[in-house]
């Protein structure tokens, strides 16, 4: 049964009976009401719903700043009360008590837009039984004047506001479910409207959305045809008139349509809530007014309304679907490629028929509001999604041979997954605990001491990821790695290098008594030098103790042997002869070898 069937007998009944009968007409598509099923997400992206009373049987909800305080307010069409309820935002995501304004008979849809050009958003309310759209002009402070009805057609079901004729005034498009049409009412420029001009759609049109489907900068129409299992696309001729419809198949009983660029190609795409198919159909736009074949994504029971928004902050549009049969709203995350992930469900009031998006608490994240028809409430679900942050220390110290552990913690909703890049010492690994924490643990293997520079990353699908430059220091007890002996010569400069390992860098200490002319110097980098020229009479064997210390484990100790030997000695006569030659020049013989010192030229024959 369509919601517009058998409504003639309702027109003159008292309001309470009319509401009961209208709900009888509305609810056959719902089936048995139950709570959210097992598809609920493990981690909530939205806080629990807060219910605000409306008038009887709220059917549709719209969002806009109605009183000019820069906070989005809520308007709800109450089919059972012949009214529209206005709930003004307190500025923090809570709402004041509703104020009801009379509309026409059987209001089932509401839209918000500046219809007079005065900068104040007005209301357009579709009156299902009255066959009209009621316009309520804003007084400039979030209160509204009396409704002015404009005839549309038989059983109007939905309304959209846009400038269809390029006159810079907001016009109206209203679907007429019993006529199979969408009617265009052009604005006279002052908030009054000309006569409705109908254009054929499919059977039972129940929703209308606006988008530029062929890239000509004119507002085109997409209409969900509940009776034809299709969405009709009507392209704007550029003057507020429209060409013949093109029907695109959907799943069963499409009730709502939303427009957005779901695959990032700058072309308008369509998302359609299919009440009878428990699905949302996505049709990607080709940019020329045509669309690809539908792809269906599973929802909960009786999806009645769909809206788009980037709920997880990743730059991709997601879908929110009001599921009247589950008393829930589901969020399907967009991948950015035009596909959507599995839904996560959040409880609402009873039988949500409408859903809309707005940042109600000013935190830049889009929130949700639903119109809950059977509980007479508007449910507000604040978005608590936020990008991850790493909250733990950026360094840790382990010791070779000892078990060590360091906790990595993060914040973020959904819960972040933690990972690391960079080389780790053998025996150490990072384990993600799955709860927003991770553990860096293990026993560093022998000879793995040093400083390791890692990058810790927290990822929860909400941009941007959090990264942390993490330093793991692996302490290693000191060891002296150089030889334990050296030989110097009296009168000859000598040097020996002492080397060590260990983390932190060891300090090498003075070994004690050394031969005259020889010193020990720690270079501050884990090495030291033993150097100098042993003085006369220092020949001998010296036993020194070299110590390496870095505060980790026992010091390293090495018994170092320095042997100092005499240099080459000349015979006494030879020495005397050399002294004489150095003064006068000439030749002498030393060990059978002729030596010439200070001679101006060599003797003949040399």
Protein backbone atom coordinates (compact mmCIF):
# COMPACT_ATOMS: atom_id res chain seq x y z
CA UNK A 1 0.00 0.00 0.00
CA UNK A 2 1.26 3.49 -0.82
CA UNK A 3 0.96 6.17 1.82
CA UNK A 4 -1.28 8.23 -0.44
CA UNK A 5 -3.85 5.48 -0.96
CA UNK A 6 -7.34 5.85 0.53
CA UNK A 7 -6.81 9.35 1.90
CA UNK A 8 -10.00 10.97 0.64
CA UNK A 9 -11.95 9.78 3.63
CA UNK A 10 -9.44 11.29 5.99
CA UNK A 11 -9.85 14.91 4.93
CA UNK A 12 -12.68 15.95 7.24
CA UNK A 13 -11.98 13.77 10.27
CA UNK A 14 -10.91 15.25 13.62
CA UNK A 15 -7.17 15.68 13.99
CA UNK A 16 -6.63 12.80 16.42
CA UNK A 17 -8.57 10.37 14.20
CA UNK A 18 -6.83 11.72 11.14
CA UNK A 19 -3.47 11.12 12.79
CA UNK A 20 -4.45 7.56 13.68
CA UNK A 21 -5.61 6.82 10.14
CA UNK A 22 -2.56 8.46 8.61
CA UNK A 23 -0.32 6.28 10.76
CA UNK A 24 -2.34 3.26 9.64
CA UNK A 25 -1.54 4.25 6.07
CA UNK A 26 2.12 4.89 6.85
CA UNK A 27 2.96 1.83 8.88
CA UNK A 28 2.22 -1.14 6.57
CA UNK A 29 5.63 -0.68 4.99
CA UNK A 30 7.30 -0.91 8.39
CA UNK A 31 6.45 -4.43 9.42
CA UNK A 32 7.27 -5.64 12.90
CA UNK A 33 9.28 -3.15 14.93
CA UNK A 34 12.40 -4.42 16.67
CA UNK A 35 15.67 -3.12 18.09
CA UNK A 36 18.97 -2.76 16.24
CA UNK A 37 20.42 -6.08 15.20
CA UNK A 38 23.86 -7.66 15.25
CA UNK A 39 25.16 -5.30 12.61
CA UNK A 40 25.80 -2.66 15.26
CA UNK A 41 29.36 -1.37 15.28
CA UNK A 42 31.71 -2.46 18.02
CA UNK A 43 32.69 1.12 18.81
CA UNK A 44 30.13 3.94 18.72
CA UNK A 45 30.71 6.87 16.42
CA UNK A 46 27.63 8.65 17.75
CA UNK A 47 26.63 9.24 21.34
CA UNK A 48 23.34 7.73 22.49
CA UNK A 49 20.30 9.53 21.11
CA UNK A 50 18.74 12.34 23.11
CA UNK A 51 15.00 12.62 22.49
CA UNK A 52 13.22 15.99 22.25
CA UNK A 53 9.40 16.06 22.19
CA UNK A 54 7.64 17.16 19.02
CA UNK A 55 3.98 17.35 18.15
CA UNK A 56 2.10 14.22 17.06
CA UNK A 57 3.58 11.81 14.49
CA UNK A 58 6.67 13.63 13.22
CA UNK A 59 7.29 12.50 9.67
CA UNK A 60 10.14 14.62 8.30
CA UNK A 61 12.99 16.72 9.67
CA UNK A 62 15.09 19.55 8.25
CA UNK A 63 18.09 21.49 9.59
CA UNK A 64 18.95 25.19 9.28
CA UNK A 65 19.97 28.26 11.29
CA UNK A 66 16.51 29.68 11.86
CA UNK A 67 17.34 32.47 14.34
CA UNK A 68 20.67 33.68 12.96
CA UNK A 69 22.86 32.66 15.92
CA UNK A 70 25.15 30.50 13.77
CA UNK A 71 23.83 27.29 15.33
CA UNK A 72 21.69 24.89 13.26
CA UNK A 73 18.13 24.46 14.43
CA UNK A 74 15.57 21.77 13.66
CA UNK A 75 12.14 21.86 12.00
CA UNK A 76 9.88 18.80 12.10
CA UNK A 77 6.73 18.15 10.05
CA UNK A 78 4.12 16.61 12.40
CA UNK A 79 1.56 14.77 10.27
CA UNK A 80 -0.68 13.96 13.23
CA UNK A 81 -0.91 17.54 14.47
CA UNK A 82 -1.17 19.51 11.22
CA UNK A 83 1.83 21.44 12.47
CA UNK A 84 5.52 22.01 12.10
CA UNK A 85 7.61 21.99 15.28
CA UNK A 86 10.62 24.30 15.57
CA UNK A 87 13.37 23.38 18.05
CA UNK A 88 16.00 26.08 18.50
CA UNK A 89 19.56 25.05 19.28
CA UNK A 90 20.96 26.21 22.63
CA UNK A 91 24.37 26.44 21.00
CA UNK A 92 25.83 23.30 22.55
CA UNK A 93 23.94 20.55 20.77
CA UNK A 94 20.94 20.67 23.09
CA UNK A 95 17.60 22.11 22.05
CA UNK A 96 14.92 24.31 23.56
CA UNK A 97 11.35 23.18 23.96
CA UNK A 98 9.50 22.97 20.66
CA UNK A 99 7.31 25.74 19.31
CA UNK A 100 4.51 24.50 17.05
CA UNK A 101 3.21 26.41 14.03
CA UNK A 102 0.07 25.45 12.15
CA UNK A 103 0.55 24.02 8.67
CA UNK A 104 -1.93 22.56 6.21
CA UNK A 105 -3.66 19.22 6.55
CA UNK A 106 -1.38 16.19 6.98
CA UNK A 107 2.11 17.73 6.81
CA UNK A 108 4.54 14.97 5.82
CA UNK A 109 7.65 16.86 4.69
CA UNK A 110 9.52 20.07 5.47
CA UNK A 111 12.36 21.97 3.81
CA UNK A 112 14.30 25.06 4.88
CA UNK A 113 15.38 27.90 2.59
CA UNK A 114 15.43 31.68 2.21
CA UNK A 115 12.28 32.19 0.17
CA UNK A 116 12.08 35.98 0.44
CA UNK A 117 15.73 36.88 -0.08
CA UNK A 118 15.99 38.65 3.27
CA UNK A 119 18.71 36.33 4.58
CA UNK A 120 16.38 34.52 6.97
CA UNK A 121 15.54 30.85 6.34
CA UNK A 122 11.86 30.16 5.82
CA UNK A 123 9.87 26.91 5.91
CA UNK A 124 8.10 24.99 3.16
CA UNK A 125 5.79 22.25 4.47
CA UNK A 126 4.10 19.66 2.27
CA UNK A 127 0.47 18.95 3.20
CA UNK A 128 -0.33 15.42 2.05
CA UNK A 129 -4.10 15.66 2.53
CA UNK A 130 -4.40 19.36 1.83
CA UNK A 131 -2.85 18.96 -1.62
CA UNK A 132 -0.64 21.96 -1.02
CA UNK A 133 2.70 23.27 0.15
CA UNK A 134 2.52 25.71 3.05
CA UNK A 135 5.06 28.54 3.21
CA UNK A 136 5.89 29.97 6.64
CA UNK A 137 8.03 33.10 6.48
CA UNK A 138 10.65 33.74 9.14
CA UNK A 139 10.23 36.85 11.26
CA UNK A 140 14.02 37.07 11.51
CA UNK A 141 14.30 35.66 15.01
CA UNK A 142 13.37 32.04 14.51
CA UNK A 143 9.64 32.62 14.87
CA UNK A 144 7.30 32.29 11.91
CA UNK A 145 4.24 33.90 10.42
CA UNK A 146 1.05 32.18 9.43
CA UNK A 147 1.21 29.48 6.76
CA UNK A 148 0.34 30.43 3.18
CA UNK A 149 -0.75 27.38 1.14
CA UNK A 150 -0.03 26.88 -2.57
CA UNK A 151 -1.78 24.11 -4.47
CA UNK A 152 0.56 21.45 -5.84
CA UNK A 153 -1.34 18.34 -6.93
CA UNK A 154 -2.86 15.29 -5.30
CA UNK A 155 -1.22 13.96 -2.15
CA UNK A 156 2.07 15.85 -2.24
CA UNK A 157 4.76 13.87 -0.45
CA UNK A 158 8.09 15.75 -0.52
CA UNK A 159 9.61 19.17 -1.24
CA UNK A 160 13.00 20.53 -2.30
CA UNK A 161 14.17 24.15 -2.55
CA UNK A 162 16.49 25.49 -5.24
CA UNK A 163 16.81 28.20 -7.89
CA UNK A 164 15.42 26.38 -10.91
CA UNK A 165 15.03 29.27 -13.36
CA UNK A 166 18.27 31.14 -12.68
CA UNK A 167 16.47 34.19 -11.28
CA UNK A 168 18.40 34.03 -7.98
CA UNK A 169 15.22 33.27 -6.07
CA UNK A 170 14.48 30.03 -4.23
CA UNK A 171 11.84 27.97 -6.04
CA UNK A 172 9.98 24.84 -4.94
CA UNK A 173 9.79 21.31 -6.32
CA UNK A 174 7.02 19.15 -4.84
CA UNK A 175 6.30 15.49 -5.61
CA UNK A 176 2.63 14.50 -5.94
CA UNK A 177 2.39 10.84 -5.01
CA UNK A 178 -1.11 10.22 -6.34
CA UNK A 179 -0.55 12.11 -9.61
CA UNK A 180 2.83 10.64 -10.51
CA UNK A 181 4.26 14.13 -10.97
CA UNK A 182 6.72 16.63 -9.60
CA UNK A 183 5.38 20.18 -9.56
CA UNK A 184 7.58 23.28 -9.95
CA UNK A 185 6.48 26.47 -8.23
CA UNK A 186 8.60 29.45 -9.31
CA UNK A 187 9.25 32.21 -6.81
CA UNK A 188 7.90 35.65 -7.64
CA UNK A 189 10.92 37.11 -5.88
CA UNK A 190 9.12 38.05 -2.67
CA UNK A 191 8.33 34.68 -1.11
CA UNK A 192 5.12 34.18 -3.04
CA UNK A 193 4.86 31.58 -5.77
CA UNK A 194 3.31 31.09 -9.17
CA UNK A 195 1.04 28.24 -10.12
CA UNK A 196 2.41 24.71 -9.94
CA UNK A 197 3.68 23.25 -13.23
CA UNK A 198 3.67 19.43 -13.12
CA UNK A 199 6.16 17.12 -14.84
CA UNK A 200 5.60 13.39 -15.17
CA UNK A 201 7.55 11.02 -12.91
CA UNK A 202 7.12 7.34 -12.19
CA UNK A 203 4.36 5.99 -9.99
CA UNK A 204 4.12 7.06 -6.37
CA UNK A 205 6.88 9.66 -6.19
CA UNK A 206 7.81 9.99 -2.53
CA UNK A 207 11.02 12.05 -2.44
CA UNK A 208 12.82 14.66 -4.51
CA UNK A 209 16.45 15.85 -4.43
CA UNK A 210 18.34 18.47 -6.41
CA UNK A 211 21.72 18.29 -8.13
CA UNK A 212 23.53 19.36 -11.30
CA UNK A 213 23.62 16.00 -13.05
CA UNK A 214 24.92 17.08 -16.47
CA UNK A 215 27.39 19.80 -15.49
CA UNK A 216 25.53 22.74 -17.04
CA UNK A 217 25.19 24.61 -13.71
CA UNK A 218 21.39 24.22 -13.70
CA UNK A 219 19.51 22.45 -10.90
CA UNK A 220 18.17 19.08 -12.05
CA UNK A 221 15.78 16.74 -10.21
CA UNK A 222 15.96 13.17 -8.94
CA UNK A 223 12.65 11.65 -7.82
CA UNK A 224 12.23 8.36 -5.91
CA UNK A 225 9.27 6.53 -7.45
CA UNK A 226 8.04 4.15 -4.75
CA UNK A 227 5.47 2.54 -7.07
CA UNK A 228 7.88 1.84 -9.93
CA UNK A 229 11.04 0.71 -8.11
CA UNK A 230 12.91 3.44 -9.91
CA UNK A 231 14.38 6.90 -9.59
CA UNK A 232 13.39 9.43 -12.24
CA UNK A 233 15.91 12.02 -13.42
CA UNK A 234 14.56 15.24 -14.95
CA UNK A 235 17.13 17.58 -16.50
CA UNK A 236 16.61 21.31 -16.27
CA UNK A 237 16.28 23.20 -19.56
CA UNK A 238 17.94 26.18 -17.90
CA UNK A 239 14.80 28.26 -17.50
CA UNK A 240 12.97 26.37 -14.79
CA UNK A 241 11.32 23.94 -17.16
CA UNK A 242 12.34 20.30 -17.34
CA UNK A 243 12.77 17.64 -19.99
CA UNK A 244 11.13 14.25 -19.99
CA UNK A 245 12.09 11.89 -17.18
CA UNK A 246 14.63 9.10 -17.45
CA UNK A 247 13.90 6.17 -15.15
CA UNK A 248 16.72 4.28 -13.46
CA UNK A 249 16.02 0.97 -11.68
CA UNK A 250 16.48 0.76 -7.91
CA UNK A 251 15.67 -1.93 -5.37
CA UNK A 252 12.12 -2.37 -4.08
CA UNK A 253 9.97 0.61 -2.99
CA UNK A 254 12.38 3.53 -3.10
CA UNK A 255 11.20 6.13 -0.57
CA UNK A 256 14.03 8.65 -0.31
CA UNK A 257 16.83 9.97 -2.50
CA UNK A 258 19.98 11.93 -1.64
CA UNK A 259 22.62 13.52 -3.86
CA UNK A 260 26.39 13.62 -3.32
CA UNK A 261 29.73 12.99 -4.99
CA UNK A 262 30.42 9.54 -3.59
CA UNK A 263 33.42 8.59 -5.74
CA UNK A 264 35.28 11.89 -5.85
CA UNK A 265 35.01 12.46 -9.61
CA UNK A 266 33.18 15.80 -9.22
CA UNK A 267 29.96 14.31 -10.67
CA UNK A 268 26.72 14.12 -8.70
CA UNK A 269 25.72 10.59 -7.66
CA UNK A 270 22.49 9.23 -6.15
CA UNK A 271 21.70 7.23 -3.01
CA UNK A 272 18.19 5.80 -2.71
CA UNK A 273 16.61 4.25 0.40
CA UNK A 274 14.61 1.20 -0.69
CA UNK A 275 12.00 0.52 1.97
CA UNK A 276 10.85 -2.82 0.55
CA UNK A 277 14.33 -4.09 -0.22
CA UNK A 278 15.99 -3.20 3.08
CA UNK A 279 18.76 -1.67 1.05
CA UNK A 280 20.21 1.58 -0.19
CA UNK A 281 20.88 1.77 -3.92
CA UNK A 282 23.85 3.81 -5.12
CA UNK A 283 23.92 5.04 -8.72
CA UNK A 284 27.12 6.78 -9.82
CA UNK A 285 26.75 9.75 -12.15
CA UNK A 286 28.56 9.86 -15.48
CA UNK A 287 28.58 13.65 -15.47
CA UNK A 288 26.35 13.98 -18.53
CA UNK A 289 22.98 13.37 -16.91
CA UNK A 290 23.21 9.61 -17.14
CA UNK A 291 24.00 7.14 -14.39
CA UNK A 292 25.54 3.72 -14.04
CA UNK A 293 23.65 0.67 -12.83
CA UNK A 294 22.70 0.55 -9.18
CA UNK A 295 24.73 -1.14 -6.47
CA UNK A 296 22.70 -2.20 -3.44
CA UNK A 297 24.00 -2.11 0.13
CA UNK A 298 22.21 -3.84 2.98
CA UNK A 299 20.50 -1.75 5.64
CA UNK A 300 18.29 -2.56 8.60
CA UNK A 301 14.56 -3.02 8.41
CA UNK A 302 12.47 -0.58 6.41
CA UNK A 303 14.91 2.17 5.45
CA UNK A 304 12.74 5.22 4.94
CA UNK A 305 15.11 8.17 4.56
CA UNK A 306 18.74 8.68 3.53
CA UNK A 307 21.14 11.58 3.99
CA UNK A 308 24.83 12.06 3.17
CA UNK A 309 27.68 13.49 5.24
CA UNK A 310 31.33 12.90 6.05
CA UNK A 311 30.76 11.47 9.51
CA UNK A 312 34.20 9.97 10.08
CA UNK A 313 36.21 12.92 8.77
CA UNK A 314 38.13 10.99 6.12
CA UNK A 315 37.06 13.28 3.28
CA UNK A 316 34.62 10.73 1.83
CA UNK A 317 30.84 11.04 1.98
CA UNK A 318 29.07 8.46 4.13
CA UNK A 319 25.37 7.59 4.25
CA UNK A 320 22.92 7.82 7.16
CA UNK A 321 19.73 5.79 6.79
CA UNK A 322 16.65 6.05 9.03
CA UNK A 323 15.38 2.51 9.59
CA UNK A 324 11.76 2.73 10.65
CA UNK A 325 11.48 -1.01 11.31
CA UNK A 326 14.51 -1.15 13.59
CA UNK A 327 14.08 2.07 15.57
CA UNK A 328 17.57 2.96 14.45
CA UNK A 329 19.72 4.97 12.11
CA UNK A 330 22.51 3.20 10.25
CA UNK A 331 25.72 4.75 9.01
CA UNK A 332 27.45 3.24 5.97
CA UNK A 333 31.03 4.51 5.64
CA UNK A 334 32.09 5.67 2.19
CA UNK A 335 35.38 4.44 0.78
CA UNK A 336 35.81 7.37 -1.59
CA UNK A 337 35.56 5.09 -4.62
CA UNK A 338 31.78 5.08 -4.71
CA UNK A 339 31.45 1.98 -2.56
CA UNK A 340 30.34 1.69 1.06
CA UNK A 341 31.31 -0.45 4.00
CA UNK A 342 29.13 -2.42 6.38
CA UNK A 343 26.62 -0.41 8.36
CA UNK A 344 26.82 0.53 12.02
CA UNK A 345 23.46 1.06 13.75
CA UNK A 346 22.48 3.49 16.51
CA UNK A 347 19.21 3.43 18.44
CA UNK A 348 16.69 6.25 17.91
CA UNK A 349 13.11 6.80 18.98
CA UNK A 350 10.29 4.64 17.66
CA UNK A 351 9.80 4.40 13.88
CA UNK A 352 12.20 7.03 12.54
CA UNK A 353 10.87 8.18 9.16
CA UNK A 354 13.24 11.07 8.49
CA UNK A 355 16.92 11.83 9.03
CA UNK A 356 18.91 15.03 8.55
CA UNK A 357 22.50 16.16 9.12
CA UNK A 358 23.92 19.19 10.95
CA UNK A 359 26.77 20.21 13.24
CA UNK A 360 24.69 20.84 16.33
CA UNK A 361 27.44 21.35 18.91
CA UNK A 362 29.94 23.31 16.82
CA UNK A 363 32.75 20.77 16.89
CA UNK A 364 32.94 20.63 13.04
CA UNK A 365 31.68 17.03 13.01
CA UNK A 366 28.27 16.36 11.42
CA UNK A 367 25.60 15.10 13.80
CA UNK A 368 22.26 13.40 13.10
CA UNK A 369 18.63 14.08 13.91
CA UNK A 370 15.72 11.76 13.21
CA UNK A 371 11.96 12.27 13.16
CA UNK A 372 10.53 9.43 15.29
CA UNK A 373 6.95 9.04 14.18
CA UNK A 374 5.56 6.73 16.88
CA UNK A 375 7.38 8.21 19.89
CA UNK A 376 6.62 11.84 18.93
CA UNK A 377 10.24 12.83 19.27
CA UNK A 378 13.22 14.15 17.40
CA UNK A 379 16.30 12.12 18.32
CA UNK A 380 19.61 13.97 18.26
CA UNK A 381 22.76 11.85 17.95
CA UNK A 382 25.97 13.81 18.47
CA UNK A 383 28.99 12.66 16.52
CA UNK A 384 31.78 11.69 18.89
CA UNK A 385 34.15 10.55 16.17
CA UNK A 386 37.61 12.07 16.38
CA UNK A 387 40.99 11.42 14.86
CA UNK A 388 43.57 9.44 16.81
CA UNK A 389 46.30 10.80 19.06
CA UNK A 390 49.20 8.97 20.68
CA UNK A 391 49.31 9.84 24.37
CA UNK A 392 52.21 7.78 25.72
CA UNK A 393 55.89 8.64 26.09
CA UNK A 394 58.03 8.84 22.97
CA UNK A 395 60.94 6.84 24.40
CA UNK A 396 61.80 3.70 26.32
CA UNK A 397 64.97 1.95 27.51
CA UNK A 398 65.59 -1.80 27.48
CA UNK A 399 68.71 -3.77 28.46
CA UNK A 400 70.39 -6.55 26.50
CA UNK A 401 69.54 -9.91 28.06
CA UNK A 402 66.75 -8.53 30.26
CA UNK A 403 63.00 -8.64 29.51
CA UNK A 404 61.62 -5.17 28.88
CA UNK A 405 58.20 -3.68 28.17
CA UNK A 406 56.76 -0.29 27.18
CA UNK A 407 53.05 0.61 26.88
CA UNK A 408 51.83 2.64 23.89
CA UNK A 409 48.49 4.39 24.44
CA UNK A 410 46.20 6.35 22.14
CA UNK A 411 42.87 8.12 21.99
CA UNK A 412 40.39 8.29 19.12
CA UNK A 413 36.92 7.12 18.15
CA UNK A 414 36.68 4.58 16.64
CA UNK A 415 39.48 2.85 18.59
CA UNK A 416 42.79 3.25 16.83
CA UNK A 417 44.99 0.43 15.57
CA UNK A 418 48.67 0.87 16.46
CA UNK A 419 51.63 -0.15 14.33
CA UNK A 420 55.32 0.67 13.99
CA UNK A 421 57.86 1.06 11.23
CA UNK A 422 61.60 0.96 11.66
CA UNK A 423 64.16 -1.68 12.68
CA UNK A 424 63.71 -3.26 16.09
CA UNK A 425 66.44 -5.15 17.96
CA UNK A 426 66.30 -8.93 17.71
CA UNK A 427 64.04 -10.29 20.43
CA UNK A 428 61.76 -7.22 20.63
CA UNK A 429 58.35 -6.77 18.92
CA UNK A 430 55.30 -4.48 19.02
CA UNK A 431 51.87 -6.05 19.68
CA UNK A 432 48.61 -4.15 19.07
CA UNK A 433 46.23 -5.01 21.88
CA UNK A 434 43.13 -4.03 19.91
CA UNK A 435 41.90 -1.55 22.50
CA UNK A 436 43.82 1.55 21.48
CA UNK A 437 46.96 0.37 23.26
CA UNK A 438 49.99 -1.60 22.16
CA UNK A 439 52.88 -3.28 23.96
CA UNK A 440 56.53 -3.02 22.92
CA UNK A 441 58.20 -5.95 24.65
CA UNK A 442 60.86 -8.62 24.54
CA UNK A 443 64.40 -9.47 25.57
CA UNK A 444 67.02 -7.79 23.39
CA UNK A 445 69.50 -10.31 22.05
CA UNK A 446 73.23 -10.15 22.68
CA UNK A 447 75.12 -7.38 20.89
CA UNK A 448 71.92 -5.47 20.01
CA UNK A 449 72.69 -2.48 22.20
CA UNK A 450 72.13 0.89 20.57
CA UNK A 451 69.53 3.52 19.79
CA UNK A 452 66.61 2.55 17.53
CA UNK A 453 64.48 5.23 15.87
CA UNK A 454 60.92 4.05 15.21
CA UNK A 455 57.67 5.58 13.93
CA UNK A 456 54.52 4.65 15.85
CA UNK A 457 51.28 5.12 13.90
CA UNK A 458 47.69 5.24 15.18
CA UNK A 459 44.97 4.72 12.56
CA UNK A 460 41.19 4.63 13.00
CA UNK A 461 39.96 5.73 9.59
CA UNK A 462 39.50 9.33 10.71
CA UNK A 463 42.03 11.64 9.11
CA UNK A 464 44.73 12.33 9.87
CA UNK A 465 46.58 9.36 11.34
CA UNK A 466 48.66 10.12 14.41
CA UNK A 467 52.39 9.44 14.21
CA UNK A 468 55.05 9.59 16.87
CA UNK A 469 58.83 9.52 16.51
CA UNK A 470 59.74 6.92 19.12
CA UNK A 471 63.25 6.25 20.43
CA UNK A 472 64.08 2.83 21.86
CA UNK A 473 67.41 2.72 23.64
CA UNK A 474 68.82 -0.75 24.30
CA UNK A 475 71.40 -0.60 27.05
CA UNK A 476 74.30 -3.02 26.81
CA UNK A 477 76.94 -3.61 29.50
CA UNK A 478 80.41 -2.41 28.50
CA UNK A 479 83.08 -4.61 26.96
CA UNK A 480 86.68 -3.76 25.98
CA UNK A 481 87.28 -5.02 22.48
CA UNK A 482 90.87 -3.99 21.73
CA UNK A 483 94.07 -5.94 22.31
CA UNK A 484 95.48 -6.28 25.82
CA UNK A 485 99.10 -5.35 25.05
CA UNK A 486 101.30 -2.92 23.18
CA UNK A 487 105.04 -2.26 22.79
CA UNK A 488 106.66 1.17 22.80
CA UNK A 489 110.38 2.11 22.39
CA UNK A 490 112.37 4.49 24.48
CA UNK A 491 112.77 7.77 22.67
CA UNK A 492 110.28 6.86 19.95
CA UNK A 493 106.67 8.21 19.84
CA UNK A 494 104.15 5.41 20.16
CA UNK A 495 100.36 5.05 20.34
CA UNK A 496 97.82 2.35 21.12
CA UNK A 497 94.04 2.60 20.70
CA UNK A 498 91.68 1.18 23.30
CA UNK A 499 88.15 0.38 22.01
CA UNK A 500 84.96 -0.67 23.76
CA UNK A 501 81.27 -1.42 23.15
CA UNK A 502 78.21 -0.73 25.26
CA UNK A 503 75.11 1.46 25.46
CA UNK A 504 75.31 4.12 26.80
CA UNK A 505 78.81 4.84 25.50
CA UNK A 506 81.32 3.63 28.11
CA UNK A 507 83.85 5.85 29.82
CA UNK A 508 87.42 4.46 29.78
CA UNK A 509 89.44 5.27 32.89
CA UNK A 510 93.16 5.96 33.40
CA UNK A 511 94.97 2.68 34.07
CA UNK A 512 97.31 4.10 36.73
CA UNK A 513 101.17 4.17 36.62
CA UNK A 514 102.61 4.51 33.13
CA UNK A 515 106.18 5.05 31.90
CA UNK A 516 107.46 8.59 31.90
CA UNK A 517 106.31 10.42 28.73
CA UNK A 518 103.27 8.21 28.11
CA UNK A 519 99.66 9.29 28.92
CA UNK A 520 96.13 7.85 28.73
CA UNK A 521 93.30 9.92 27.13
CA UNK A 522 89.56 8.99 27.06
CA UNK A 523 88.08 10.41 23.83
CA UNK A 524 84.46 10.32 25.01
CA UNK A 525 83.24 8.05 22.20
CA UNK A 526 84.00 4.67 23.70
CA UNK A 527 87.68 4.78 22.69
CA UNK A 528 90.86 5.98 24.38
CA UNK A 529 94.48 6.44 23.33
CA UNK A 530 97.65 5.41 25.14
CA UNK A 531 100.33 7.58 23.59
CA UNK A 532 103.61 9.40 24.06
CA UNK A 533 107.41 8.99 23.88
CA UNK A 534 108.89 6.87 26.66
CA UNK A 535 111.73 8.71 28.38
CA UNK A 536 115.32 7.46 28.86
CA UNK A 537 115.56 4.77 31.46
CA UNK A 538 111.84 3.82 31.23
CA UNK A 539 112.37 0.49 29.52
CA UNK A 540 110.45 -2.32 31.21
CA UNK A 541 107.09 -4.09 31.47
CA UNK A 542 104.09 -2.17 32.83
CA UNK A 543 100.90 -3.91 33.97
CA UNK A 544 97.96 -1.50 33.81
CA UNK A 545 94.25 -1.92 34.55
CA UNK A 546 91.82 -0.39 32.02
CA UNK A 547 88.21 -0.01 33.13
CA UNK A 548 85.08 0.63 30.94
CA UNK A 549 82.02 1.99 32.79
CA UNK A 550 78.54 3.00 31.51
CA UNK A 551 76.28 2.29 34.47
CA UNK A 552 74.82 -0.88 32.92
CA UNK A 553 75.79 -4.13 34.57
CA UNK A 554 79.33 -4.71 35.79
CA UNK A 555 82.22 -2.61 34.56
CA UNK A 556 84.50 -4.19 31.98
CA UNK A 557 88.10 -4.60 33.21
CA UNK A 558 91.15 -5.45 31.14
CA UNK A 559 94.71 -6.09 32.39
CA UNK A 560 96.81 -4.30 29.85
CA UNK A 561 100.54 -4.98 29.37
CA UNK A 562 102.71 -2.17 28.03
CA UNK A 563 106.24 -3.21 27.17
CA UNK A 564 108.78 -0.44 26.72
CA UNK A 565 112.04 -1.46 25.02
CA UNK A 566 115.27 0.49 24.45
CA UNK A 567 115.80 2.05 21.05
CA UNK A 568 118.86 1.17 18.75
CA UNK A 569 122.23 2.01 20.48
CA UNK A 570 125.50 3.12 18.76
CA UNK A 571 128.95 1.99 19.83
CA UNK A 572 130.79 4.50 22.01
CA UNK A 573 133.56 5.20 19.46
CA UNK A 574 131.01 5.48 16.75
CA UNK A 575 129.12 7.97 18.81
CA UNK A 576 132.21 10.08 19.38
CA UNK A 577 133.11 9.99 15.70
CA UNK A 578 129.57 11.07 14.74
CA UNK A 579 129.77 14.00 17.11
CA UNK A 580 133.04 15.11 15.54
CA UNK A 581 131.74 14.65 12.01
CA UNK A 582 128.65 16.64 12.80
CA UNK A 583 130.92 19.57 13.65
CA UNK A 584 133.63 19.31 10.95
CA UNK A 585 132.27 17.06 8.24
CA UNK A 586 134.06 13.99 7.03
CA UNK A 587 133.81 10.22 7.16
CA UNK A 588 133.96 7.50 9.77
CA UNK A 589 133.23 3.84 9.90
CA UNK A 590 130.46 2.32 12.06
CA UNK A 591 129.91 -1.44 12.07
CA UNK A 592 131.86 -1.66 8.81
CA UNK A 593 129.70 0.98 7.10
CA UNK A 594 131.19 4.25 5.83
CA UNK A 595 129.17 7.27 7.00
CA UNK A 596 129.56 10.80 5.52
CA UNK A 597 128.36 13.74 7.55
CA UNK A 598 128.64 17.40 6.64
CA UNK A 599 130.81 16.78 3.53
CA UNK A 600 130.31 19.24 0.73
CA UNK A 601 130.80 16.56 -1.89
CA UNK A 602 131.43 12.91 -1.97
CA UNK A 603 135.02 11.66 -2.35
CA UNK A 604 136.09 10.73 -5.83
CA UNK A 605 134.64 7.39 -6.81
CA UNK A 606 131.63 7.58 -4.38
